[in-house]
């Protein structure tokens, strides 16, 4: 079985909205979210779902989540090909609900990526 992998969408200049988000997080929050991404790659989506690290949202958009203190860090992603997934962006939320604007933003980024407008 091929190991699953996450990458993130890059802008034309090579920067990334997701990396900008990660860089702005406190070190503990950043480390926790990165660890959840790596652990999900290692154990796979089925186990990650059971651990409540990942969850399907809608329209092909899912989330990776990690909790540090009272904040929940979220990274939205979509399936790219085979066992490859692309993270669109991240945000912090205290509640369980994902704002509609975040899902719509992820969908726009996914559509731009599929049209070749993002890397």
C-alpha atoms as a PDB file:
ATOM      1  CA  UNK A   1       0.000   0.000   0.000  1.00  0.00           C
ATOM      2  CA  UNK A   2       1.395   3.383  -1.027  1.00  0.00           C
ATOM      3  CA  UNK A   3       1.856   5.866   1.802  1.00  0.00           C
ATOM      4  CA  UNK A   4      -0.390   8.876   1.645  1.00  0.00           C
ATOM      5  CA  UNK A   5       1.142  12.342   1.394  1.00  0.00           C
ATOM      6  CA  UNK A   6       0.134  15.933   1.931  1.00  0.00           C
ATOM      7  CA  UNK A   7       1.513  18.930   0.080  1.00  0.00           C
ATOM      8  CA  UNK A   8       0.207  22.493  -0.035  1.00  0.00           C
ATOM      9  CA  UNK A   9      -0.856  24.813  -2.796  1.00  0.00           C
ATOM     10  CA  UNK A  10       1.663  27.463  -3.766  1.00  0.00           C
ATOM     11  CA  UNK A  11       1.104  30.864  -5.301  1.00  0.00           C
ATOM     12  CA  UNK A  12       2.762  31.788  -8.593  1.00  0.00           C
ATOM     13  CA  UNK A  13       5.688  33.307  -6.665  1.00  0.00           C
ATOM     14  CA  UNK A  14       6.238  30.041  -4.741  1.00  0.00           C
ATOM     15  CA  UNK A  15       4.820  31.257  -1.436  1.00  0.00           C
ATOM     16  CA  UNK A  16       1.936  29.477   0.240  1.00  0.00           C
ATOM     17  CA  UNK A  17      -1.100  30.652   2.179  1.00  0.00           C
ATOM     18  CA  UNK A  18      -0.817  27.510   4.347  1.00  0.00           C
ATOM     19  CA  UNK A  19       2.852  28.142   5.165  1.00  0.00           C
ATOM     20  CA  UNK A  20       2.044  31.795   5.958  1.00  0.00           C
ATOM     21  CA  UNK A  21      -0.609  30.509   8.391  1.00  0.00           C
ATOM     22  CA  UNK A  22       1.805  28.006   9.969  1.00  0.00           C
ATOM     23  CA  UNK A  23       4.524  30.656  10.338  1.00  0.00           C
ATOM     24  CA  UNK A  24       2.087  32.952  12.173  1.00  0.00           C
ATOM     25  CA  UNK A  25       1.098  30.284  14.726  1.00  0.00           C
ATOM     26  CA  UNK A  26       2.675  30.016  18.164  1.00  0.00           C
ATOM     27  CA  UNK A  27       5.410  27.362  18.123  1.00  0.00           C
ATOM     28  CA  UNK A  28       3.399  24.792  20.127  1.00  0.00           C
ATOM     29  CA  UNK A  29       0.357  25.147  17.854  1.00  0.00           C
ATOM     30  CA  UNK A  30       2.509  24.871  14.730  1.00  0.00           C
ATOM     31  CA  UNK A  31       4.308  21.798  16.057  1.00  0.00           C
ATOM     32  CA  UNK A  32       1.046  20.089  16.994  1.00  0.00           C
ATOM     33  CA  UNK A  33      -0.587  20.656  13.585  1.00  0.00           C
ATOM     34  CA  UNK A  34       2.541  19.530  11.747  1.00  0.00           C
ATOM     35  CA  UNK A  35       2.713  16.409  13.943  1.00  0.00           C
ATOM     36  CA  UNK A  36      -0.923  15.564  13.145  1.00  0.00           C
ATOM     37  CA  UNK A  37      -0.212  15.923   9.409  1.00  0.00           C
ATOM     38  CA  UNK A  38       2.828  13.631   9.666  1.00  0.00           C
ATOM     39  CA  UNK A  39       0.972  11.107  11.828  1.00  0.00           C
ATOM     40  CA  UNK A  40      -1.942  11.072   9.356  1.00  0.00           C
ATOM     41  CA  UNK A  41       0.503  10.357   6.530  1.00  0.00           C
ATOM     42  CA  UNK A  42       1.952   7.528   8.602  1.00  0.00           C
ATOM     43  CA  UNK A  43      -1.249   5.816   9.818  1.00  0.00           C
ATOM     44  CA  UNK A  44      -3.603   6.637   6.923  1.00  0.00           C
ATOM     45  CA  UNK A  45      -6.976   8.328   6.673  1.00  0.00           C
ATOM     46  CA  UNK A  46      -9.073   5.553   8.223  1.00  0.00           C
ATOM     47  CA  UNK A  47      -7.115   5.622  11.476  1.00  0.00           C
ATOM     48  CA  UNK A  48      -6.907   9.433  11.372  1.00  0.00           C
ATOM     49  CA  UNK A  49     -10.719   9.574  11.080  1.00  0.00           C
ATOM     50  CA  UNK A  50     -11.077   7.317  14.125  1.00  0.00           C
ATOM     51  CA  UNK A  51      -8.663   9.571  16.029  1.00  0.00           C
ATOM     52  CA  UNK A  52     -10.732  12.604  14.913  1.00  0.00           C
ATOM     53  CA  UNK A  53      -7.708  14.190  13.227  1.00  0.00           C
ATOM     54  CA  UNK A  54      -9.456  14.398   9.845  1.00  0.00           C
ATOM     55  CA  UNK A  55     -13.038  14.911   8.810  1.00  0.00           C
ATOM     56  CA  UNK A  56     -14.856  15.250   5.498  1.00  0.00           C
ATOM     57  CA  UNK A  57     -16.675  18.538   5.148  1.00  0.00           C
ATOM     58  CA  UNK A  58     -18.421  18.851   1.782  1.00  0.00           C
ATOM     59  CA  UNK A  59     -17.873  19.227  -1.961  1.00  0.00           C
ATOM     60  CA  UNK A  60     -14.623  17.248  -1.810  1.00  0.00           C
ATOM     61  CA  UNK A  61     -13.109  19.414   0.927  1.00  0.00           C
ATOM     62  CA  UNK A  62     -11.879  17.842   4.176  1.00  0.00           C
ATOM     63  CA  UNK A  63     -10.057  19.116   7.237  1.00  0.00           C
ATOM     64  CA  UNK A  64      -7.082  18.135   9.346  1.00  0.00           C
ATOM     65  CA  UNK A  65      -7.454  19.372  12.891  1.00  0.00           C
ATOM     66  CA  UNK A  66      -5.261  19.691  15.925  1.00  0.00           C
ATOM     67  CA  UNK A  67      -6.017  21.178  19.288  1.00  0.00           C
ATOM     68  CA  UNK A  68      -3.598  23.140  21.417  1.00  0.00           C
ATOM     69  CA  UNK A  69      -5.144  24.792  24.453  1.00  0.00           C
ATOM     70  CA  UNK A  70      -8.612  26.118  23.625  1.00  0.00           C
ATOM     71  CA  UNK A  71      -7.845  26.749  19.951  1.00  0.00           C
ATOM     72  CA  UNK A  72      -8.353  24.234  17.176  1.00  0.00           C
ATOM     73  CA  UNK A  73      -5.980  24.603  14.217  1.00  0.00           C
ATOM     74  CA  UNK A  74      -7.483  23.482  10.944  1.00  0.00           C
ATOM     75  CA  UNK A  75      -5.985  22.827   7.545  1.00  0.00           C
ATOM     76  CA  UNK A  76      -8.430  22.307   4.679  1.00  0.00           C
ATOM     77  CA  UNK A  77      -7.449  19.915   1.917  1.00  0.00           C
ATOM     78  CA  UNK A  78      -8.667  17.984  -1.123  1.00  0.00           C
ATOM     79  CA  UNK A  79      -7.752  14.755  -2.877  1.00  0.00           C
ATOM     80  CA  UNK A  80      -5.281  15.303  -5.701  1.00  0.00           C
ATOM     81  CA  UNK A  81      -4.478  11.869  -7.190  1.00  0.00           C
ATOM     82  CA  UNK A  82      -3.935   8.339  -5.853  1.00  0.00           C
ATOM     83  CA  UNK A  83      -2.754   8.829  -2.251  1.00  0.00           C
ATOM     84  CA  UNK A  84      -1.788  12.484  -2.671  1.00  0.00           C
ATOM     85  CA  UNK A  85      -3.662  15.357  -1.019  1.00  0.00           C
ATOM     86  CA  UNK A  86      -3.274  19.130  -1.287  1.00  0.00           C
ATOM     87  CA  UNK A  87      -3.711  21.507   1.644  1.00  0.00           C
ATOM     88  CA  UNK A  88      -5.296  24.787   0.593  1.00  0.00           C
ATOM     89  CA  UNK A  89      -4.978  26.927   3.708  1.00  0.00           C
ATOM     90  CA  UNK A  90      -5.345  26.933   7.466  1.00  0.00           C
ATOM     91  CA  UNK A  91      -7.180  28.836  10.160  1.00  0.00           C
ATOM     92  CA  UNK A  92      -7.821  28.762  13.904  1.00  0.00           C
ATOM     93  CA  UNK A  93     -11.269  28.277  15.373  1.00  0.00           C
ATOM     94  CA  UNK A  94     -12.530  27.669  18.895  1.00  0.00           C
ATOM     95  CA  UNK A  95     -15.782  25.936  17.915  1.00  0.00           C
ATOM     96  CA  UNK A  96     -16.430  22.689  16.051  1.00  0.00           C
ATOM     97  CA  UNK A  97     -18.146  24.374  13.102  1.00  0.00           C
ATOM     98  CA  UNK A  98     -16.177  25.271   9.974  1.00  0.00           C
ATOM     99  CA  UNK A  99     -17.250  28.663   8.583  1.00  0.00           C
ATOM    100  CA  UNK A 100     -18.827  28.497   5.123  1.00  0.00           C
ATOM    101  CA  UNK A 101     -16.391  31.146   3.835  1.00  0.00           C
ATOM    102  CA  UNK A 102     -13.439  28.858   4.670  1.00  0.00           C
ATOM    103  CA  UNK A 103     -14.921  25.951   2.700  1.00  0.00           C
ATOM    104  CA  UNK A 104     -15.683  28.251  -0.241  1.00  0.00           C
ATOM    105  CA  UNK A 105     -12.129  29.630  -0.108  1.00  0.00           C
ATOM    106  CA  UNK A 106     -10.722  26.081  -0.194  1.00  0.00           C
ATOM    107  CA  UNK A 107     -12.959  25.231  -3.168  1.00  0.00           C
ATOM    108  CA  UNK A 108     -11.752  28.316  -5.084  1.00  0.00           C
ATOM    109  CA  UNK A 109      -8.130  27.421  -4.378  1.00  0.00           C
ATOM    110  CA  UNK A 110      -8.735  23.810  -5.470  1.00  0.00           C
ATOM    111  CA  UNK A 111     -10.396  24.959  -8.689  1.00  0.00           C
ATOM    112  CA  UNK A 112      -7.518  27.395  -9.407  1.00  0.00           C
ATOM    113  CA  UNK A 113      -5.042  24.556  -8.799  1.00  0.00           C
ATOM    114  CA  UNK A 114      -6.874  22.212 -11.157  1.00  0.00           C
ATOM    115  CA  UNK A 115      -6.907  24.920 -13.865  1.00  0.00           C
ATOM    116  CA  UNK A 116      -3.142  25.284 -13.441  1.00  0.00           C
ATOM    117  CA  UNK A 117      -3.401  28.763 -11.906  1.00  0.00           C
ATOM    118  CA  UNK A 118      -1.654  27.572  -8.735  1.00  0.00           C
ATOM    119  CA  UNK A 119       1.097  25.043  -8.163  1.00  0.00           C
END
